[in-house]
């Protein structure tokens, strides 16, 4: 058997699936087309919804079907800016760091303890996650950071949390169209 028979066939347009991670990576790679939209605000993180039609102009047409079910956000992070501990409700998603470095703190609750891990993410790093994934993202570096976030389906709500001993406690819920 030759080595070429061990390799899978390349994906075709009919079988190619990128998901939120693929969309986030592709939009990060096209950041030169949208970076001029980014603003930095000292009082709080800056966010901007990128309409699907605008995002589609930046992507290969084979990614358009997946983009149709997604929601895209651009975010900027000055040093020390971040999110509270939160999930994305029933939405899965991914984000890609375009500039700077972000730290992601991931928290999960077990029966008797809360587990935590942290990861530093630099440019071109993509993090993907499923529904009800609890994390916190912040800029612990000295330079501003920019990221692109993709959610599938689009966000309906986000829950915030705090750690109370060995438990993860929901502290609030923000709803699309009401709170943002």
C-alpha atoms as a PDB file:
ATOM      1  CA  UNK A   1       0.000   0.000   0.000  1.00  0.00           C
ATOM      2  CA  UNK A   2       1.459   3.372  -0.944  1.00  0.00           C
ATOM      3  CA  UNK A   3       1.295   6.427   1.305  1.00  0.00           C
ATOM      4  CA  UNK A   4      -1.057   8.159  -1.129  1.00  0.00           C
ATOM      5  CA  UNK A   5      -3.737   5.567  -0.465  1.00  0.00           C
ATOM      6  CA  UNK A   6      -3.632   6.418   3.255  1.00  0.00           C
ATOM      7  CA  UNK A   7      -4.547  10.049   2.718  1.00  0.00           C
ATOM      8  CA  UNK A   8      -8.217  11.017   2.670  1.00  0.00           C
ATOM      9  CA  UNK A   9      -9.643  12.578  -0.427  1.00  0.00           C
ATOM     10  CA  UNK A  10      -9.658  16.380  -0.297  1.00  0.00           C
ATOM     11  CA  UNK A  11     -13.022  17.841   0.687  1.00  0.00           C
ATOM     12  CA  UNK A  12     -15.322  18.969  -2.058  1.00  0.00           C
ATOM     13  CA  UNK A  13     -17.682  21.929  -1.857  1.00  0.00           C
ATOM     14  CA  UNK A  14     -20.458  19.454  -1.089  1.00  0.00           C
ATOM     15  CA  UNK A  15     -18.647  17.895   1.899  1.00  0.00           C
ATOM     16  CA  UNK A  16     -16.654  20.849   3.249  1.00  0.00           C
ATOM     17  CA  UNK A  17     -17.857  21.953   6.677  1.00  0.00           C
ATOM     18  CA  UNK A  18     -16.103  24.737   8.496  1.00  0.00           C
ATOM     19  CA  UNK A  19     -18.338  25.496  11.468  1.00  0.00           C
ATOM     20  CA  UNK A  20     -17.916  28.501  13.690  1.00  0.00           C
ATOM     21  CA  UNK A  21     -14.173  27.864  14.083  1.00  0.00           C
ATOM     22  CA  UNK A  22     -13.623  27.853  10.325  1.00  0.00           C
ATOM     23  CA  UNK A  23     -15.669  31.025   9.917  1.00  0.00           C
ATOM     24  CA  UNK A  24     -13.771  32.769  12.737  1.00  0.00           C
ATOM     25  CA  UNK A  25     -10.420  31.758  11.230  1.00  0.00           C
ATOM     26  CA  UNK A  26     -11.445  32.918   7.749  1.00  0.00           C
ATOM     27  CA  UNK A  27     -12.747  36.250   9.046  1.00  0.00           C
ATOM     28  CA  UNK A  28      -9.549  36.752  11.043  1.00  0.00           C
ATOM     29  CA  UNK A  29      -7.528  36.067   7.901  1.00  0.00           C
ATOM     30  CA  UNK A  30      -9.587  38.757   6.140  1.00  0.00           C
ATOM     31  CA  UNK A  31      -9.114  41.261   8.972  1.00  0.00           C
ATOM     32  CA  UNK A  32      -7.371  43.788   6.715  1.00  0.00           C
ATOM     33  CA  UNK A  33     -10.835  44.382   5.223  1.00  0.00           C
ATOM     34  CA  UNK A  34     -12.515  45.208   8.544  1.00  0.00           C
ATOM     35  CA  UNK A  35      -9.831  46.381  10.999  1.00  0.00           C
ATOM     36  CA  UNK A  36     -10.556  50.028  10.154  1.00  0.00           C
ATOM     37  CA  UNK A  37     -13.983  49.544  11.798  1.00  0.00           C
ATOM     38  CA  UNK A  38     -12.414  48.737  15.179  1.00  0.00           C
ATOM     39  CA  UNK A  39     -12.485  51.327  17.940  1.00  0.00           C
ATOM     40  CA  UNK A  40     -10.926  51.290  21.400  1.00  0.00           C
ATOM     41  CA  UNK A  41     -12.859  52.721  24.356  1.00  0.00           C
ATOM     42  CA  UNK A  42     -11.124  53.218  27.707  1.00  0.00           C
ATOM     43  CA  UNK A  43     -14.368  52.860  29.721  1.00  0.00           C
ATOM     44  CA  UNK A  44     -15.391  49.442  28.367  1.00  0.00           C
ATOM     45  CA  UNK A  45     -14.780  46.879  25.655  1.00  0.00           C
ATOM     46  CA  UNK A  46     -15.941  47.893  22.202  1.00  0.00           C
ATOM     47  CA  UNK A  47     -18.186  45.498  20.263  1.00  0.00           C
ATOM     48  CA  UNK A  48     -19.714  45.661  16.818  1.00  0.00           C
ATOM     49  CA  UNK A  49     -22.111  43.270  15.152  1.00  0.00           C
ATOM     50  CA  UNK A  50     -20.920  42.473  11.613  1.00  0.00           C
ATOM     51  CA  UNK A  51     -23.988  41.870   9.437  1.00  0.00           C
ATOM     52  CA  UNK A  52     -24.046  38.535   7.636  1.00  0.00           C
ATOM     53  CA  UNK A  53     -24.094  40.245   4.230  1.00  0.00           C
ATOM     54  CA  UNK A  54     -20.918  42.186   5.100  1.00  0.00           C
ATOM     55  CA  UNK A  55     -19.184  39.076   6.427  1.00  0.00           C
ATOM     56  CA  UNK A  56     -20.164  37.142   3.283  1.00  0.00           C
ATOM     57  CA  UNK A  57     -18.188  39.555   1.105  1.00  0.00           C
ATOM     58  CA  UNK A  58     -15.042  38.499   3.013  1.00  0.00           C
ATOM     59  CA  UNK A  59     -15.545  34.742   2.768  1.00  0.00           C
ATOM     60  CA  UNK A  60     -15.299  32.061   0.150  1.00  0.00           C
ATOM     61  CA  UNK A  61     -18.788  31.362  -1.248  1.00  0.00           C
ATOM     62  CA  UNK A  62     -18.542  27.779   0.005  1.00  0.00           C
ATOM     63  CA  UNK A  63     -18.765  29.178   3.558  1.00  0.00           C
ATOM     64  CA  UNK A  64     -21.946  31.201   2.913  1.00  0.00           C
ATOM     65  CA  UNK A  65     -24.410  28.432   3.883  1.00  0.00           C
ATOM     66  CA  UNK A  66     -22.854  28.136   7.350  1.00  0.00           C
ATOM     67  CA  UNK A  67     -22.616  31.892   7.713  1.00  0.00           C
ATOM     68  CA  UNK A  68     -26.368  32.158   7.086  1.00  0.00           C
ATOM     69  CA  UNK A  69     -27.020  30.482  10.456  1.00  0.00           C
ATOM     70  CA  UNK A  70     -24.319  32.429  12.309  1.00  0.00           C
ATOM     71  CA  UNK A  71     -23.805  35.760  14.002  1.00  0.00           C
ATOM     72  CA  UNK A  72     -20.487  37.642  13.845  1.00  0.00           C
ATOM     73  CA  UNK A  73     -19.112  40.150  16.347  1.00  0.00           C
ATOM     74  CA  UNK A  74     -15.913  42.203  16.278  1.00  0.00           C
ATOM     75  CA  UNK A  75     -14.409  43.095  19.671  1.00  0.00           C
ATOM     76  CA  UNK A  76     -11.563  45.227  20.945  1.00  0.00           C
ATOM     77  CA  UNK A  77      -9.847  44.875  24.288  1.00  0.00           C
ATOM     78  CA  UNK A  78      -7.599  47.416  25.943  1.00  0.00           C
ATOM     79  CA  UNK A  79      -5.272  46.107  28.685  1.00  0.00           C
ATOM     80  CA  UNK A  80      -7.256  44.910  31.723  1.00  0.00           C
ATOM     81  CA  UNK A  81     -10.595  44.861  29.859  1.00  0.00           C
ATOM     82  CA  UNK A  82     -12.541  41.623  29.854  1.00  0.00           C
ATOM     83  CA  UNK A  83     -15.820  39.824  30.218  1.00  0.00           C
ATOM     84  CA  UNK A  84     -17.421  38.454  33.333  1.00  0.00           C
ATOM     85  CA  UNK A  85     -17.599  34.683  33.690  1.00  0.00           C
ATOM     86  CA  UNK A  86     -20.368  33.753  31.207  1.00  0.00           C
ATOM     87  CA  UNK A  87     -21.855  31.267  28.765  1.00  0.00           C
ATOM     88  CA  UNK A  88     -23.628  31.794  25.434  1.00  0.00           C
ATOM     89  CA  UNK A  89     -26.873  30.025  26.251  1.00  0.00           C
ATOM     90  CA  UNK A  90     -27.688  27.418  23.624  1.00  0.00           C
ATOM     91  CA  UNK A  91     -25.299  28.870  21.032  1.00  0.00           C
ATOM     92  CA  UNK A  92     -22.016  27.229  20.117  1.00  0.00           C
ATOM     93  CA  UNK A  93     -19.243  29.400  18.806  1.00  0.00           C
ATOM     94  CA  UNK A  94     -15.635  30.269  18.237  1.00  0.00           C
ATOM     95  CA  UNK A  95     -13.381  33.272  18.426  1.00  0.00           C
ATOM     96  CA  UNK A  96     -10.098  34.131  16.812  1.00  0.00           C
ATOM     97  CA  UNK A  97      -7.530  36.584  18.112  1.00  0.00           C
ATOM     98  CA  UNK A  98      -6.510  38.983  15.364  1.00  0.00           C
ATOM     99  CA  UNK A  99      -4.120  41.277  17.268  1.00  0.00           C
ATOM    100  CA  UNK A 100      -2.614  41.217  20.733  1.00  0.00           C
ATOM    101  CA  UNK A 101      -3.032  38.468  23.293  1.00  0.00           C
ATOM    102  CA  UNK A 102      -6.144  37.394  25.174  1.00  0.00           C
ATOM    103  CA  UNK A 103      -6.427  35.094  28.161  1.00  0.00           C
ATOM    104  CA  UNK A 104      -9.314  32.642  28.353  1.00  0.00           C
ATOM    105  CA  UNK A 105     -10.336  31.219  31.730  1.00  0.00           C
ATOM    106  CA  UNK A 106     -12.541  28.128  31.367  1.00  0.00           C
ATOM    107  CA  UNK A 107     -14.673  26.959  34.291  1.00  0.00           C
ATOM    108  CA  UNK A 108     -16.701  23.772  34.672  1.00  0.00           C
ATOM    109  CA  UNK A 109     -18.601  22.502  37.665  1.00  0.00           C
ATOM    110  CA  UNK A 110     -18.386  18.916  38.810  1.00  0.00           C
ATOM    111  CA  UNK A 111     -20.353  17.278  41.592  1.00  0.00           C
ATOM    112  CA  UNK A 112     -17.983  18.339  44.348  1.00  0.00           C
ATOM    113  CA  UNK A 113     -15.697  20.955  42.824  1.00  0.00           C
ATOM    114  CA  UNK A 114     -15.201  23.624  40.208  1.00  0.00           C
ATOM    115  CA  UNK A 115     -12.433  23.042  37.689  1.00  0.00           C
ATOM    116  CA  UNK A 116     -10.581  25.928  36.086  1.00  0.00           C
ATOM    117  CA  UNK A 117      -7.968  26.306  33.387  1.00  0.00           C
ATOM    118  CA  UNK A 118      -6.445  29.301  31.630  1.00  0.00           C
ATOM    119  CA  UNK A 119      -4.964  29.686  28.158  1.00  0.00           C
ATOM    120  CA  UNK A 120      -3.136  32.583  26.557  1.00  0.00           C
ATOM    121  CA  UNK A 121      -4.229  33.101  22.969  1.00  0.00           C
ATOM    122  CA  UNK A 122      -2.181  35.115  20.491  1.00  0.00           C
ATOM    123  CA  UNK A 123      -2.845  36.111  16.892  1.00  0.00           C
ATOM    124  CA  UNK A 124      -4.311  33.408  14.648  1.00  0.00           C
ATOM    125  CA  UNK A 125      -5.399  31.275  17.608  1.00  0.00           C
ATOM    126  CA  UNK A 126      -8.965  30.025  17.428  1.00  0.00           C
ATOM    127  CA  UNK A 127     -10.994  28.733  20.367  1.00  0.00           C
ATOM    128  CA  UNK A 128     -14.234  26.883  19.701  1.00  0.00           C
ATOM    129  CA  UNK A 129     -16.884  25.848  22.196  1.00  0.00           C
ATOM    130  CA  UNK A 130     -20.270  24.254  22.516  1.00  0.00           C
ATOM    131  CA  UNK A 131     -23.460  25.467  24.138  1.00  0.00           C
ATOM    132  CA  UNK A 132     -23.361  26.223  27.888  1.00  0.00           C
ATOM    133  CA  UNK A 133     -19.550  26.558  27.844  1.00  0.00           C
ATOM    134  CA  UNK A 134     -18.568  28.847  30.737  1.00  0.00           C
ATOM    135  CA  UNK A 135     -15.561  31.091  30.285  1.00  0.00           C
ATOM    136  CA  UNK A 136     -14.104  34.521  30.853  1.00  0.00           C
ATOM    137  CA  UNK A 137     -11.966  36.361  28.306  1.00  0.00           C
ATOM    138  CA  UNK A 138      -9.692  39.272  29.166  1.00  0.00           C
ATOM    139  CA  UNK A 139      -6.652  41.197  28.035  1.00  0.00           C
ATOM    140  CA  UNK A 140      -3.971  40.710  30.664  1.00  0.00           C
ATOM    141  CA  UNK A 141      -1.280  42.002  28.312  1.00  0.00           C
ATOM    142  CA  UNK A 142       0.139  45.460  27.779  1.00  0.00           C
ATOM    143  CA  UNK A 143      -1.050  45.929  24.183  1.00  0.00           C
ATOM    144  CA  UNK A 144      -4.589  46.371  22.802  1.00  0.00           C
ATOM    145  CA  UNK A 145      -6.172  43.244  21.360  1.00  0.00           C
ATOM    146  CA  UNK A 146      -8.776  42.587  18.646  1.00  0.00           C
ATOM    147  CA  UNK A 147     -10.847  39.445  18.110  1.00  0.00           C
ATOM    148  CA  UNK A 148     -13.646  38.153  15.900  1.00  0.00           C
ATOM    149  CA  UNK A 149     -16.428  35.971  17.379  1.00  0.00           C
ATOM    150  CA  UNK A 150     -18.884  33.689  15.572  1.00  0.00           C
ATOM    151  CA  UNK A 151     -21.963  32.146  17.215  1.00  0.00           C
ATOM    152  CA  UNK A 152     -24.208  29.421  15.773  1.00  0.00           C
ATOM    153  CA  UNK A 153     -27.052  29.879  15.996  1.00  0.00           C
ATOM    154  CA  UNK A 154     -26.928  33.593  16.753  1.00  0.00           C
ATOM    155  CA  UNK A 155     -26.956  34.600  20.406  1.00  0.00           C
ATOM    156  CA  UNK A 156     -30.332  34.660  22.150  1.00  0.00           C
ATOM    157  CA  UNK A 157     -29.032  35.069  25.688  1.00  0.00           C
ATOM    158  CA  UNK A 158     -25.920  34.883  27.826  1.00  0.00           C
ATOM    159  CA  UNK A 159     -25.759  33.875  31.492  1.00  0.00           C
ATOM    160  CA  UNK A 160     -23.199  35.301  33.910  1.00  0.00           C
ATOM    161  CA  UNK A 161     -21.722  33.331  36.814  1.00  0.00           C
ATOM    162  CA  UNK A 162     -19.642  33.466  39.971  1.00  0.00           C
ATOM    163  CA  UNK A 163     -17.838  30.718  41.811  1.00  0.00           C
ATOM    164  CA  UNK A 164     -19.164  30.034  45.298  1.00  0.00           C
ATOM    165  CA  UNK A 165     -16.931  27.456  46.975  1.00  0.00           C
ATOM    166  CA  UNK A 166     -17.422  24.250  45.018  1.00  0.00           C
ATOM    167  CA  UNK A 167     -20.359  25.566  42.996  1.00  0.00           C
ATOM    168  CA  UNK A 168     -20.858  27.627  39.883  1.00  0.00           C
ATOM    169  CA  UNK A 169     -23.728  30.048  40.564  1.00  0.00           C
ATOM    170  CA  UNK A 170     -25.641  31.889  37.846  1.00  0.00           C
ATOM    171  CA  UNK A 171     -25.835  35.597  38.703  1.00  0.00           C
ATOM    172  CA  UNK A 172     -27.814  36.954  35.775  1.00  0.00           C
ATOM    173  CA  UNK A 173     -29.030  36.639  32.210  1.00  0.00           C
ATOM    174  CA  UNK A 174     -28.693  39.124  29.348  1.00  0.00           C
ATOM    175  CA  UNK A 175     -31.062  38.775  26.405  1.00  0.00           C
ATOM    176  CA  UNK A 176     -30.506  39.715  22.754  1.00  0.00           C
ATOM    177  CA  UNK A 177     -32.596  42.705  21.722  1.00  0.00           C
ATOM    178  CA  UNK A 178     -33.096  43.723  25.351  1.00  0.00           C
ATOM    179  CA  UNK A 179     -29.674  43.995  26.999  1.00  0.00           C
ATOM    180  CA  UNK A 180     -27.486  44.411  23.889  1.00  0.00           C
END
